[in-house]
Amino acid sequence: MPFVKEDLAGDHYDWSNADSFNGSPSRRLFDRSNGNQVLFIINSFGSLSERFSIQECRQVEELISAQMPTDIKSEMSVYNWLRGLR
């Protein structure tokens, strides 16, 4: 089941960008303040696991918010960085 904005811990996200984020992560520029895009990456990453809990969702959210290197610019780079942490 995909996570929704109510599952995120942060309240700093911008939800005004209603772009449709679906499919696979791409070379599209990643904006960590765009709640829809953060959820897209979390759900994409979570799909690698049969069981991905809300706790794990929030851990990935925290990684993106506080620990993601500044040189990561695209969705694909974020996704690959998260996979490398496993």
PDB file of N, CA and C in Angstrom:
ATOM      1  N   MET A   1       0.837  -1.178   0.000  1.00  0.00           N
ATOM      2  CA  MET A   1       0.000   0.000   0.000  1.00  0.00           C
ATOM      3  C   MET A   1       0.885   1.246   0.000  1.00  0.00           C
ATOM      4  N   PRO A   2       0.671   2.156  -0.927  1.00  0.00           N
ATOM      5  CA  PRO A   2       1.508   3.358  -0.974  1.00  0.00           C
ATOM      6  C   PRO A   2       1.269   4.263   0.228  1.00  0.00           C
ATOM      7  N   PHE A   3       2.330   4.924   0.619  1.00  0.00           N
ATOM      8  CA  PHE A   3       2.230   5.880   1.717  1.00  0.00           C
ATOM      9  C   PHE A   3       1.633   7.180   1.194  1.00  0.00           C
ATOM     10  N   VAL A   4       0.993   7.912   2.076  1.00  0.00           N
ATOM     11  CA  VAL A   4       0.354   9.187   1.744  1.00  0.00           C
ATOM     12  C   VAL A   4       0.925  10.271   2.652  1.00  0.00           C
ATOM     13  N   LYS A   5       0.580  11.519   2.370  1.00  0.00           N
ATOM     14  CA  LYS A   5       1.200  12.631   3.099  1.00  0.00           C
ATOM     15  C   LYS A   5       0.960  12.561   4.607  1.00  0.00           C
ATOM     16  N   GLU A   6      -0.133  11.983   5.029  1.00  0.00           N
ATOM     17  CA  GLU A   6      -0.404  11.849   6.468  1.00  0.00           C
ATOM     18  C   GLU A   6       0.567  10.892   7.148  1.00  0.00           C
ATOM     19  N   ASP A   7       1.264  10.074   6.376  1.00  0.00           N
ATOM     20  CA  ASP A   7       2.234   9.129   6.935  1.00  0.00           C
ATOM     21  C   ASP A   7       3.595   9.787   7.213  1.00  0.00           C
ATOM     22  N   LEU A   8       3.832  10.951   6.633  1.00  0.00           N
ATOM     23  CA  LEU A   8       5.116  11.617   6.827  1.00  0.00           C
ATOM     24  C   LEU A   8       5.154  12.349   8.162  1.00  0.00           C
ATOM     25  N   ALA A   9       6.336  12.439   8.740  1.00  0.00           N
ATOM     26  CA  ALA A   9       6.505  13.114  10.025  1.00  0.00           C
ATOM     27  C   ALA A   9       6.672  14.617   9.858  1.00  0.00           C
ATOM     28  N   GLY A  10       7.304  15.023   8.765  1.00  0.00           N
ATOM     29  CA  GLY A  10       7.584  16.440   8.554  1.00  0.00           C
ATOM     30  C   GLY A  10       6.359  17.240   8.154  1.00  0.00           C
ATOM     31  N   ASP A  11       6.384  18.525   8.521  1.00  0.00           N
ATOM     32  CA  ASP A  11       5.286  19.414   8.148  1.00  0.00           C
ATOM     33  C   ASP A  11       5.791  20.588   7.304  1.00  0.00           C
ATOM     34  N   HIS A  12       6.982  20.455   6.768  1.00  0.00           N
ATOM     35  CA  HIS A  12       7.615  21.535   6.018  1.00  0.00           C
ATOM     36  C   HIS A  12       7.449  21.402   4.505  1.00  0.00           C
ATOM     37  N   TYR A  13       6.695  20.435   4.065  1.00  0.00           N
ATOM     38  CA  TYR A  13       6.604  20.151   2.634  1.00  0.00           C
ATOM     39  C   TYR A  13       5.671  21.102   1.898  1.00  0.00           C
ATOM     40  N   ASP A  14       6.009  21.343   0.655  1.00  0.00           N
ATOM     41  CA  ASP A  14       5.165  22.100  -0.258  1.00  0.00           C
ATOM     42  C   ASP A  14       4.326  21.081  -1.029  1.00  0.00           C
ATOM     43  N   TRP A  15       3.023  21.228  -0.966  1.00  0.00           N
ATOM     44  CA  TRP A  15       2.111  20.298  -1.635  1.00  0.00           C
ATOM     45  C   TRP A  15       1.447  20.946  -2.842  1.00  0.00           C
ATOM     46  N   SER A  16       1.859  22.163  -3.202  1.00  0.00           N
ATOM     47  CA  SER A  16       1.199  22.879  -4.291  1.00  0.00           C
ATOM     48  C   SER A  16       1.564  22.333  -5.669  1.00  0.00           C
ATOM     49  N   ASN A  17       2.712  21.696  -5.791  1.00  0.00           N
ATOM     50  CA  ASN A  17       3.126  21.130  -7.072  1.00  0.00           C
ATOM     51  C   ASN A  17       2.367  19.827  -7.279  1.00  0.00           C
ATOM     52  N   ALA A  18       1.380  19.868  -8.124  1.00  0.00           N
ATOM     53  CA  ALA A  18       0.513  18.707  -8.322  1.00  0.00           C
ATOM     54  C   ALA A  18       0.973  17.817  -9.477  1.00  0.00           C
ATOM     55  N   ASP A  19       2.240  17.933  -9.854  1.00  0.00           N
ATOM     56  CA  ASP A  19       2.752  17.055 -10.915  1.00  0.00           C
ATOM     57  C   ASP A  19       2.488  15.608 -10.551  1.00  0.00           C
ATOM     58  N   SER A  20       2.234  14.824 -11.561  1.00  0.00           N
ATOM     59  CA  SER A  20       2.001  13.403 -11.345  1.00  0.00           C
ATOM     60  C   SER A  20       3.346  12.680 -11.296  1.00  0.00           C
ATOM     61  N   PHE A  21       3.625  12.098 -10.167  1.00  0.00           N
ATOM     62  CA  PHE A  21       4.852  11.323 -10.004  1.00  0.00           C
ATOM     63  C   PHE A  21       4.475   9.853 -10.007  1.00  0.00           C
ATOM     64  N   ASN A  22       4.791   9.190 -11.109  1.00  0.00           N
ATOM     65  CA  ASN A  22       4.519   7.755 -11.205  1.00  0.00           C
ATOM     66  C   ASN A  22       5.579   7.115 -12.077  1.00  0.00           C
ATOM     67  N   GLY A  23       5.518   5.808 -12.166  1.00  0.00           N
ATOM     68  CA  GLY A  23       6.531   5.088 -12.913  1.00  0.00           C
ATOM     69  C   GLY A  23       7.774   4.887 -12.076  1.00  0.00           C
ATOM     70  N   SER A  24       8.912   4.981 -12.709  1.00  0.00           N
ATOM     71  CA  SER A  24      10.194   4.796 -12.030  1.00  0.00           C
ATOM     72  C   SER A  24      10.887   6.133 -11.840  1.00  0.00           C
ATOM     73  N   PRO A  25      11.756   6.225 -10.830  1.00  0.00           N
ATOM     74  CA  PRO A  25      12.536   7.453 -10.674  1.00  0.00           C
ATOM     75  C   PRO A  25      13.307   7.753 -11.959  1.00  0.00           C
ATOM     76  N   SER A  26      13.369   9.028 -12.284  1.00  0.00           N
ATOM     77  CA  SER A  26      14.003   9.447 -13.531  1.00  0.00           C
ATOM     78  C   SER A  26      15.099  10.475 -13.248  1.00  0.00           C
ATOM     79  N   ARG A  27      15.572  11.082 -14.295  1.00  0.00           N
ATOM     80  CA  ARG A  27      16.595  12.120 -14.165  1.00  0.00           C
ATOM     81  C   ARG A  27      15.977  13.483 -13.845  1.00  0.00           C
ATOM     82  N   ARG A  28      14.683  13.490 -13.577  1.00  0.00           N
ATOM     83  CA  ARG A  28      13.995  14.731 -13.199  1.00  0.00           C
ATOM     84  C   ARG A  28      14.651  15.292 -11.934  1.00  0.00           C
ATOM     85  N   LEU A  29      14.798  16.609 -11.867  1.00  0.00           N
ATOM     86  CA  LEU A  29      15.396  17.276 -10.721  1.00  0.00           C
ATOM     87  C   LEU A  29      14.606  16.940  -9.460  1.00  0.00           C
ATOM     88  N   PHE A  30      15.309  16.564  -8.394  1.00  0.00           N
ATOM     89  CA  PHE A  30      14.660  16.199  -7.141  1.00  0.00           C
ATOM     90  C   PHE A  30      14.617  17.397  -6.208  1.00  0.00           C
ATOM     91  N   ASP A  31      13.450  17.643  -5.631  1.00  0.00           N
ATOM     92  CA  ASP A  31      13.244  18.740  -4.681  1.00  0.00           C
ATOM     93  C   ASP A  31      12.788  18.138  -3.356  1.00  0.00           C
ATOM     94  N   ARG A  32      13.668  18.138  -2.376  1.00  0.00           N
ATOM     95  CA  ARG A  32      13.337  17.512  -1.089  1.00  0.00           C
ATOM     96  C   ARG A  32      12.252  18.241  -0.315  1.00  0.00           C
ATOM     97  N   SER A  33      11.858  19.423  -0.749  1.00  0.00           N
ATOM     98  CA  SER A  33      10.757  20.121  -0.083  1.00  0.00           C
ATOM     99  C   SER A  33       9.408  19.857  -0.764  1.00  0.00           C
ATOM    100  N   ASN A  34       9.416  19.151  -1.892  1.00  0.00           N
ATOM    101  CA  ASN A  34       8.187  18.799  -2.596  1.00  0.00           C
ATOM    102  C   ASN A  34       7.649  17.492  -1.993  1.00  0.00           C
ATOM    103  N   GLY A  35       6.592  17.605  -1.215  1.00  0.00           N
ATOM    104  CA  GLY A  35       6.040  16.440  -0.533  1.00  0.00           C
ATOM    105  C   GLY A  35       5.631  15.321  -1.466  1.00  0.00           C
ATOM    106  N   ASN A  36       5.041  15.678  -2.608  1.00  0.00           N
ATOM    107  CA  ASN A  36       4.629  14.650  -3.564  1.00  0.00           C
ATOM    108  C   ASN A  36       5.828  13.889  -4.120  1.00  0.00           C
ATOM    109  N   GLN A  37       6.912  14.584  -4.365  1.00  0.00           N
ATOM    110  CA  GLN A  37       8.098  13.934  -4.916  1.00  0.00           C
ATOM    111  C   GLN A  37       8.803  13.086  -3.856  1.00  0.00           C
ATOM    112  N   VAL A  38       8.831  13.561  -2.615  1.00  0.00           N
ATOM    113  CA  VAL A  38       9.409  12.767  -1.521  1.00  0.00           C
ATOM    114  C   VAL A  38       8.615  11.474  -1.357  1.00  0.00           C
ATOM    115  N   LEU A  39       7.294  11.570  -1.370  1.00  0.00           N
ATOM    116  CA  LEU A  39       6.455  10.362  -1.272  1.00  0.00           C
ATOM    117  C   LEU A  39       6.704   9.419  -2.442  1.00  0.00           C
ATOM    118  N   PHE A  40       6.870   9.968  -3.632  1.00  0.00           N
ATOM    119  CA  PHE A  40       7.149   9.151  -4.815  1.00  0.00           C
ATOM    120  C   PHE A  40       8.428   8.342  -4.619  1.00  0.00           C
ATOM    121  N   ILE A  41       9.478   8.988  -4.126  1.00  0.00           N
ATOM    122  CA  ILE A  41      10.749   8.288  -3.909  1.00  0.00           C
ATOM    123  C   ILE A  41      10.611   7.262  -2.793  1.00  0.00           C
ATOM    124  N   ILE A  42       9.949   7.632  -1.703  1.00  0.00           N
ATOM    125  CA  ILE A  42       9.756   6.688  -0.591  1.00  0.00           C
ATOM    126  C   ILE A  42       8.975   5.469  -1.072  1.00  0.00           C
ATOM    127  N   ASN A  43       7.907   5.689  -1.815  1.00  0.00           N
ATOM    128  CA  ASN A  43       7.104   4.566  -2.310  1.00  0.00           C
ATOM    129  C   ASN A  43       7.873   3.730  -3.328  1.00  0.00           C
ATOM    130  N   SER A  44       8.685   4.368  -4.157  1.00  0.00           N
ATOM    131  CA  SER A  44       9.512   3.622  -5.116  1.00  0.00           C
ATOM    132  C   SER A  44      10.524   2.760  -4.369  1.00  0.00           C
ATOM    133  N   PHE A  45      11.172   3.342  -3.370  1.00  0.00           N
ATOM    134  CA  PHE A  45      12.155   2.616  -2.583  1.00  0.00           C
ATOM    135  C   PHE A  45      11.476   1.496  -1.787  1.00  0.00           C
ATOM    136  N   GLY A  46      10.335   1.780  -1.209  1.00  0.00           N
ATOM    137  CA  GLY A  46       9.601   0.790  -0.429  1.00  0.00           C
ATOM    138  C   GLY A  46       9.141  -0.396  -1.249  1.00  0.00           C
ATOM    139  N   SER A  47       8.969  -0.201  -2.539  1.00  0.00           N
ATOM    140  CA  SER A  47       8.517  -1.303  -3.392  1.00  0.00           C
ATOM    141  C   SER A  47       9.583  -2.388  -3.544  1.00  0.00           C
ATOM    142  N   LEU A  48      10.803  -2.114  -3.114  1.00  0.00           N
ATOM    143  CA  LEU A  48      11.870  -3.116  -3.159  1.00  0.00           C
ATOM    144  C   LEU A  48      11.692  -4.183  -2.084  1.00  0.00           C
ATOM    145  N   SER A  49      10.860  -3.884  -1.099  1.00  0.00           N
ATOM    146  CA  SER A  49      10.672  -4.771   0.046  1.00  0.00           C
ATOM    147  C   SER A  49       9.221  -5.259   0.089  1.00  0.00           C
ATOM    148  N   GLU A  50       9.053  -6.508   0.492  1.00  0.00           N
ATOM    149  CA  GLU A  50       7.692  -7.028   0.644  1.00  0.00           C
ATOM    150  C   GLU A  50       6.970  -6.345   1.791  1.00  0.00           C
ATOM    151  N   ARG A  51       7.710  -6.034   2.825  1.00  0.00           N
ATOM    152  CA  ARG A  51       7.138  -5.365   3.995  1.00  0.00           C
ATOM    153  C   ARG A  51       7.917  -4.082   4.241  1.00  0.00           C
ATOM    154  N   PHE A  52       7.246  -2.972   4.097  1.00  0.00           N
ATOM    155  CA  PHE A  52       7.861  -1.669   4.309  1.00  0.00           C
ATOM    156  C   PHE A  52       6.912  -0.893   5.210  1.00  0.00           C
ATOM    157  N   SER A  53       7.318  -0.667   6.442  1.00  0.00           N
ATOM    158  CA  SER A  53       6.436  -0.099   7.456  1.00  0.00           C
ATOM    159  C   SER A  53       6.448   1.430   7.451  1.00  0.00           C
ATOM    160  N   ILE A  54       5.514   2.004   8.176  1.00  0.00           N
ATOM    161  CA  ILE A  54       5.483   3.459   8.340  1.00  0.00           C
ATOM    162  C   ILE A  54       6.760   3.917   9.043  1.00  0.00           C
ATOM    163  N   GLN A  55       7.260   3.126   9.977  1.00  0.00           N
ATOM    164  CA  GLN A  55       8.508   3.471  10.654  1.00  0.00           C
ATOM    165  C   GLN A  55       9.651   3.556   9.638  1.00  0.00           C
ATOM    166  N   GLU A  56       9.724   2.607   8.726  1.00  0.00           N
ATOM    167  CA  GLU A  56      10.763   2.636   7.696  1.00  0.00           C
ATOM    168  C   GLU A  56      10.546   3.813   6.743  1.00  0.00           C
ATOM    169  N   CYS A  57       9.293   4.100   6.437  1.00  0.00           N
ATOM    170  CA  CYS A  57       8.960   5.259   5.612  1.00  0.00           C
ATOM    171  C   CYS A  57       9.525   6.524   6.249  1.00  0.00           C
ATOM    172  N   ARG A  58       9.317   6.683   7.532  1.00  0.00           N
ATOM    173  CA  ARG A  58       9.797   7.877   8.238  1.00  0.00           C
ATOM    174  C   ARG A  58      11.313   7.901   8.367  1.00  0.00           C
ATOM    175  N   GLN A  59      11.932   6.730   8.447  1.00  0.00           N
ATOM    176  CA  GLN A  59      13.394   6.681   8.465  1.00  0.00           C
ATOM    177  C   GLN A  59      13.956   7.158   7.125  1.00  0.00           C
ATOM    178  N   VAL A  60      13.345   6.731   6.036  1.00  0.00           N
ATOM    179  CA  VAL A  60      13.780   7.179   4.711  1.00  0.00           C
ATOM    180  C   VAL A  60      13.513   8.680   4.568  1.00  0.00           C
ATOM    181  N   GLU A  61      12.377   9.139   5.065  1.00  0.00           N
ATOM    182  CA  GLU A  61      12.075  10.567   5.046  1.00  0.00           C
ATOM    183  C   GLU A  61      13.165  11.352   5.778  1.00  0.00           C
ATOM    184  N   GLU A  62      13.575  10.880   6.925  1.00  0.00           N
ATOM    185  CA  GLU A  62      14.627  11.538   7.701  1.00  0.00           C
ATOM    186  C   GLU A  62      15.958  11.523   6.952  1.00  0.00           C
ATOM    187  N   LEU A  63      16.276  10.414   6.328  1.00  0.00           N
ATOM    188  CA  LEU A  63      17.509  10.331   5.530  1.00  0.00           C
ATOM    189  C   LEU A  63      17.502  11.388   4.428  1.00  0.00           C
ATOM    190  N   ILE A  64      16.392  11.494   3.730  1.00  0.00           N
ATOM    191  CA  ILE A  64      16.280  12.468   2.642  1.00  0.00           C
ATOM    192  C   ILE A  64      16.375  13.886   3.190  1.00  0.00           C
ATOM    193  N   SER A  65      15.701  14.137   4.285  1.00  0.00           N
ATOM    194  CA  SER A  65      15.640  15.476   4.852  1.00  0.00           C
ATOM    195  C   SER A  65      16.965  15.931   5.463  1.00  0.00           C
ATOM    196  N   ALA A  66      17.630  15.042   6.179  1.00  0.00           N
ATOM    197  CA  ALA A  66      18.783  15.471   6.982  1.00  0.00           C
ATOM    198  C   ALA A  66      20.133  14.937   6.539  1.00  0.00           C
ATOM    199  N   GLN A  67      20.164  13.844   5.801  1.00  0.00           N
ATOM    200  CA  GLN A  67      21.460  13.217   5.526  1.00  0.00           C
ATOM    201  C   GLN A  67      21.804  13.087   4.046  1.00  0.00           C
ATOM    202  N   MET A  68      20.871  13.412   3.181  1.00  0.00           N
ATOM    203  CA  MET A  68      21.130  13.263   1.757  1.00  0.00           C
ATOM    204  C   MET A  68      22.207  14.257   1.322  1.00  0.00           C
ATOM    205  N   PRO A  69      23.247  13.782   0.667  1.00  0.00           N
ATOM    206  CA  PRO A  69      24.307  14.684   0.204  1.00  0.00           C
ATOM    207  C   PRO A  69      23.764  15.747  -0.757  1.00  0.00           C
ATOM    208  N   THR A  70      24.314  16.936  -0.683  1.00  0.00           N
ATOM    209  CA  THR A  70      23.834  18.048  -1.502  1.00  0.00           C
ATOM    210  C   THR A  70      24.130  17.868  -2.986  1.00  0.00           C
ATOM    211  N   ASP A  71      25.066  16.999  -3.326  1.00  0.00           N
ATOM    212  CA  ASP A  71      25.400  16.813  -4.735  1.00  0.00           C
ATOM    213  C   ASP A  71      24.438  15.871  -5.457  1.00  0.00           C
ATOM    214  N   ILE A  72      23.478  15.316  -4.744  1.00  0.00           N
ATOM    215  CA  ILE A  72      22.462  14.460  -5.360  1.00  0.00           C
ATOM    216  C   ILE A  72      21.375  15.362  -5.921  1.00  0.00           C
ATOM    217  N   LYS A  73      21.167  15.264  -7.220  1.00  0.00           N
ATOM    218  CA  LYS A  73      20.261  16.213  -7.885  1.00  0.00           C
ATOM    219  C   LYS A  73      19.026  15.587  -8.528  1.00  0.00           C
ATOM    220  N   SER A  74      19.074  14.334  -8.916  1.00  0.00           N
ATOM    221  CA  SER A  74      17.943  13.735  -9.644  1.00  0.00           C
ATOM    222  C   SER A  74      17.239  12.671  -8.797  1.00  0.00           C
ATOM    223  N   GLU A  75      16.010  12.340  -9.194  1.00  0.00           N
ATOM    224  CA  GLU A  75      15.271  11.268  -8.520  1.00  0.00           C
ATOM    225  C   GLU A  75      16.060   9.970  -8.562  1.00  0.00           C
ATOM    226  N   MET A  76      16.630   9.669  -9.704  1.00  0.00           N
ATOM    227  CA  MET A  76      17.379   8.430  -9.852  1.00  0.00           C
ATOM    228  C   MET A  76      18.580   8.401  -8.902  1.00  0.00           C
ATOM    229  N   SER A  77      19.236   9.537  -8.738  1.00  0.00           N
ATOM    230  CA  SER A  77      20.376   9.607  -7.819  1.00  0.00           C
ATOM    231  C   SER A  77      19.946   9.391  -6.372  1.00  0.00           C
ATOM    232  N   VAL A  78      18.808   9.971  -5.987  1.00  0.00           N
ATOM    233  CA  VAL A  78      18.282   9.774  -4.630  1.00  0.00           C
ATOM    234  C   VAL A  78      17.957   8.305  -4.417  1.00  0.00           C
ATOM    235  N   TYR A  79      17.256   7.727  -5.369  1.00  0.00           N
ATOM    236  CA  TYR A  79      16.859   6.318  -5.301  1.00  0.00           C
ATOM    237  C   TYR A  79      18.092   5.415  -5.177  1.00  0.00           C
ATOM    238  N   ASN A  80      19.088   5.641  -6.013  1.00  0.00           N
ATOM    239  CA  ASN A  80      20.305   4.823  -5.972  1.00  0.00           C
ATOM    240  C   ASN A  80      21.082   5.032  -4.674  1.00  0.00           C
ATOM    241  N   TRP A  81      21.102   6.247  -4.167  1.00  0.00           N
ATOM    242  CA  TRP A  81      21.766   6.526  -2.887  1.00  0.00           C
ATOM    243  C   TRP A  81      21.079   5.740  -1.764  1.00  0.00           C
ATOM    244  N   LEU A  82      19.744   5.754  -1.739  1.00  0.00           N
ATOM    245  CA  LEU A  82      19.014   5.005  -0.720  1.00  0.00           C
ATOM    246  C   LEU A  82      19.277   3.509  -0.836  1.00  0.00           C
ATOM    247  N   ARG A  83      19.292   3.001  -2.058  1.00  0.00           N
ATOM    248  CA  ARG A  83      19.579   1.572  -2.267  1.00  0.00           C
ATOM    249  C   ARG A  83      20.976   1.226  -1.759  1.00  0.00           C
ATOM    250  N   GLY A  84      21.928   2.116  -1.940  1.00  0.00           N
ATOM    251  CA  GLY A  84      23.290   1.882  -1.483  1.00  0.00           C
ATOM    252  C   GLY A  84      23.428   1.857   0.021  1.00  0.00           C
ATOM    253  N   LEU A  85      22.469   2.411   0.727  1.00  0.00           N
ATOM    254  CA  LEU A  85      22.500   2.423   2.203  1.00  0.00           C
ATOM    255  C   LEU A  85      22.005   1.114   2.789  1.00  0.00           C
ATOM    256  N   ARG A  86      21.339   0.302   2.002  1.00  0.00           N
ATOM    257  CA  ARG A  86      20.767  -0.966   2.493  1.00  0.00           C
ATOM    258  C   ARG A  86      21.837  -1.926   2.871  1.00  0.00           C
TER     259      ARG A  86
END
